[in-house]
Amino acid sequence: MKNIITKREKEIFQLLIENKTTKEISTILNISEKTVRNHISNVMQKLDVINRSNAIIELIKLNEINIKKS
């Protein structure tokens, strides 16, 4: 099955579940904060959810992202 989200969207959401802020993510990935927000919005639209938390939950359910065990 084809992935629902892009590689970049996956990178962003992996960083979100590591509790990184939009600003921190933009610095880590060397992209603008607006671009980070756009990627998050695109994923929310694809999943038909209303916020980042719901998007994270859906992505975990769909095995698109994983919670890293330390």
N, C-alpha and C. Protein backbone atom coordinates (compact mmCIF):
# COMPACT_ATOMS: atom_id res chain seq x y z
N MET A 1 0.84 -1.20 0.00
CA MET A 1 0.00 0.00 0.00
C MET A 1 0.88 1.26 0.00
N LYS A 2 0.46 2.22 -0.78
CA LYS A 2 1.21 3.48 -0.89
C LYS A 2 1.07 4.29 0.40
N ASN A 3 2.16 4.96 0.77
CA ASN A 3 2.12 5.81 1.96
C ASN A 3 1.15 6.97 1.74
N ILE A 4 0.46 7.32 2.81
CA ILE A 4 -0.52 8.40 2.77
C ILE A 4 0.18 9.76 2.78
N ILE A 5 1.28 9.84 3.52
CA ILE A 5 1.98 11.12 3.64
C ILE A 5 3.36 11.03 2.99
N THR A 6 3.88 12.20 2.65
CA THR A 6 5.19 12.27 2.01
C THR A 6 6.31 12.04 3.03
N LYS A 7 7.50 11.83 2.53
CA LYS A 7 8.67 11.65 3.39
C LYS A 7 8.85 12.88 4.28
N ARG A 8 8.72 14.07 3.73
CA ARG A 8 8.90 15.31 4.50
C ARG A 8 7.82 15.45 5.57
N GLU A 9 6.58 15.14 5.21
CA GLU A 9 5.49 15.21 6.19
C GLU A 9 5.76 14.23 7.34
N LYS A 10 6.26 13.06 7.00
CA LYS A 10 6.58 12.06 8.02
C LYS A 10 7.68 12.58 8.94
N GLU A 11 8.71 13.21 8.36
CA GLU A 11 9.80 13.77 9.17
C GLU A 11 9.24 14.80 10.16
N ILE A 12 8.36 15.65 9.68
CA ILE A 12 7.78 16.70 10.53
C ILE A 12 6.97 16.10 11.66
N PHE A 13 6.15 15.13 11.36
CA PHE A 13 5.32 14.54 12.42
C PHE A 13 6.14 13.71 13.40
N GLN A 14 7.23 13.09 12.94
CA GLN A 14 8.13 12.39 13.88
C GLN A 14 8.72 13.39 14.86
N LEU A 15 9.07 14.57 14.37
CA LEU A 15 9.61 15.60 15.25
C LEU A 15 8.54 16.16 16.19
N LEU A 16 7.32 16.26 15.71
CA LEU A 16 6.23 16.72 16.57
C LEU A 16 6.02 15.77 17.75
N ILE A 17 6.08 14.46 17.49
CA ILE A 17 5.87 13.53 18.61
C ILE A 17 7.07 13.49 19.54
N GLU A 18 8.19 14.06 19.10
CA GLU A 18 9.35 14.23 19.98
C GLU A 18 9.26 15.56 20.72
N ASN A 19 8.10 16.19 20.62
CA ASN A 19 7.79 17.44 21.34
C ASN A 19 8.57 18.65 20.83
N LYS A 20 8.93 18.64 19.55
CA LYS A 20 9.61 19.79 18.94
C LYS A 20 8.56 20.82 18.53
N THR A 21 8.96 22.10 18.64
CA THR A 21 8.06 23.18 18.22
C THR A 21 8.19 23.40 16.71
N THR A 22 7.28 24.17 16.16
CA THR A 22 7.34 24.51 14.73
C THR A 22 8.67 25.18 14.42
N LYS A 23 9.10 26.08 15.28
CA LYS A 23 10.37 26.79 15.09
C LYS A 23 11.55 25.81 15.12
N GLU A 24 11.55 24.89 16.08
CA GLU A 24 12.63 23.90 16.18
C GLU A 24 12.66 23.00 14.95
N ILE A 25 11.48 22.59 14.49
CA ILE A 25 11.40 21.73 13.30
C ILE A 25 11.94 22.47 12.08
N SER A 26 11.58 23.74 11.95
CA SER A 26 12.06 24.51 10.79
C SER A 26 13.58 24.62 10.80
N THR A 27 14.16 24.77 11.99
CA THR A 27 15.62 24.84 12.11
C THR A 27 16.27 23.50 11.78
N ILE A 28 15.74 22.43 12.34
CA ILE A 28 16.29 21.08 12.12
C ILE A 28 16.26 20.71 10.64
N LEU A 29 15.13 21.01 9.97
CA LEU A 29 14.96 20.60 8.57
C LEU A 29 15.40 21.68 7.58
N ASN A 30 15.82 22.83 8.11
CA ASN A 30 16.27 23.94 7.26
C ASN A 30 15.20 24.40 6.27
N ILE A 31 13.99 24.56 6.80
CA ILE A 31 12.86 25.09 6.02
C ILE A 31 12.18 26.16 6.86
N SER A 32 11.33 26.96 6.25
CA SER A 32 10.68 28.04 7.01
C SER A 32 9.57 27.48 7.92
N GLU A 33 9.24 28.26 8.94
CA GLU A 33 8.15 27.87 9.83
C GLU A 33 6.84 27.77 9.05
N LYS A 34 6.66 28.66 8.08
CA LYS A 34 5.44 28.62 7.25
C LYS A 34 5.36 27.30 6.49
N THR A 35 6.48 26.83 5.97
CA THR A 35 6.50 25.56 5.25
C THR A 35 6.14 24.40 6.19
N VAL A 36 6.66 24.45 7.41
CA VAL A 36 6.32 23.42 8.41
C VAL A 36 4.81 23.42 8.64
N ARG A 37 4.26 24.61 8.87
CA ARG A 37 2.80 24.71 9.11
C ARG A 37 2.00 24.23 7.90
N ASN A 38 2.49 24.54 6.69
CA ASN A 38 1.80 24.08 5.47
C ASN A 38 1.78 22.56 5.39
N HIS A 39 2.91 21.92 5.70
CA HIS A 39 2.96 20.46 5.69
C HIS A 39 1.98 19.87 6.71
N ILE A 40 1.96 20.46 7.89
CA ILE A 40 1.04 19.98 8.94
C ILE A 40 -0.40 20.13 8.47
N SER A 41 -0.73 21.28 7.89
CA SER A 41 -2.10 21.52 7.38
C SER A 41 -2.46 20.53 6.28
N ASN A 42 -1.51 20.25 5.39
CA ASN A 42 -1.77 19.29 4.31
C ASN A 42 -2.11 17.92 4.86
N VAL A 43 -1.36 17.48 5.88
CA VAL A 43 -1.61 16.18 6.49
C VAL A 43 -2.98 16.17 7.17
N MET A 44 -3.29 17.25 7.88
CA MET A 44 -4.59 17.33 8.54
C MET A 44 -5.73 17.23 7.54
N GLN A 45 -5.56 17.88 6.37
CA GLN A 45 -6.58 17.79 5.32
C GLN A 45 -6.68 16.37 4.77
N LYS A 46 -5.54 15.75 4.50
CA LYS A 46 -5.54 14.38 3.97
C LYS A 46 -6.28 13.42 4.91
N LEU A 47 -6.09 13.63 6.22
CA LEU A 47 -6.67 12.73 7.21
C LEU A 47 -8.05 13.17 7.68
N ASP A 48 -8.47 14.36 7.25
CA ASP A 48 -9.76 14.92 7.65
C ASP A 48 -9.88 15.04 9.18
N VAL A 49 -8.86 15.65 9.78
CA VAL A 49 -8.85 15.88 11.23
C VAL A 49 -8.74 17.38 11.50
N ILE A 50 -9.07 17.77 12.73
CA ILE A 50 -9.14 19.20 13.04
C ILE A 50 -7.92 19.77 13.74
N ASN A 51 -7.02 18.90 14.23
CA ASN A 51 -5.83 19.43 14.90
C ASN A 51 -4.66 18.47 14.79
N ARG A 52 -3.49 18.96 15.21
CA ARG A 52 -2.24 18.18 15.11
C ARG A 52 -2.32 16.90 15.92
N SER A 53 -2.90 16.99 17.11
CA SER A 53 -2.99 15.81 17.98
C SER A 53 -3.78 14.69 17.31
N ASN A 54 -4.91 15.04 16.73
CA ASN A 54 -5.71 14.03 16.03
C ASN A 54 -4.95 13.46 14.84
N ALA A 55 -4.19 14.31 14.15
CA ALA A 55 -3.39 13.84 13.02
C ALA A 55 -2.35 12.83 13.49
N ILE A 56 -1.70 13.13 14.61
CA ILE A 56 -0.69 12.21 15.16
C ILE A 56 -1.33 10.87 15.49
N ILE A 57 -2.48 10.90 16.15
CA ILE A 57 -3.18 9.66 16.52
C ILE A 57 -3.50 8.84 15.27
N GLU A 58 -4.04 9.49 14.25
CA GLU A 58 -4.38 8.78 13.01
C GLU A 58 -3.14 8.21 12.33
N LEU A 59 -2.07 8.98 12.29
CA LEU A 59 -0.84 8.52 11.64
C LEU A 59 -0.24 7.32 12.36
N ILE A 60 -0.35 7.29 13.69
CA ILE A 60 0.13 6.14 14.46
C ILE A 60 -0.75 4.93 14.14
N LYS A 61 -2.07 5.12 14.13
CA LYS A 61 -2.99 4.02 13.80
C LYS A 61 -2.70 3.44 12.42
N LEU A 62 -2.34 4.32 11.47
CA LEU A 62 -2.08 3.90 10.09
C LEU A 62 -0.64 3.42 9.87
N ASN A 63 0.13 3.37 10.97
CA ASN A 63 1.55 2.97 10.90
C ASN A 63 2.38 3.85 9.98
N GLU A 64 2.01 5.12 9.88
CA GLU A 64 2.79 6.07 9.09
C GLU A 64 3.94 6.64 9.92
N ILE A 65 3.71 6.78 11.22
CA ILE A 65 4.76 7.23 12.13
C ILE A 65 4.77 6.29 13.34
N ASN A 66 5.89 6.29 14.05
CA ASN A 66 6.02 5.43 15.22
C ASN A 66 6.51 6.23 16.40
N ILE A 67 6.03 5.81 17.57
CA ILE A 67 6.54 6.41 18.79
C ILE A 67 7.81 5.65 19.12
N LYS A 68 8.91 6.38 19.19
CA LYS A 68 10.21 5.75 19.47
C LYS A 68 10.31 5.40 20.94
N LYS A 69 10.68 4.18 21.20
CA LYS A 69 10.89 3.74 22.59
C LYS A 69 12.32 4.09 22.98
N SER A 70 12.49 4.68 24.17
CA SER A 70 13.85 5.04 24.58
C SER A 70 14.48 3.96 25.43
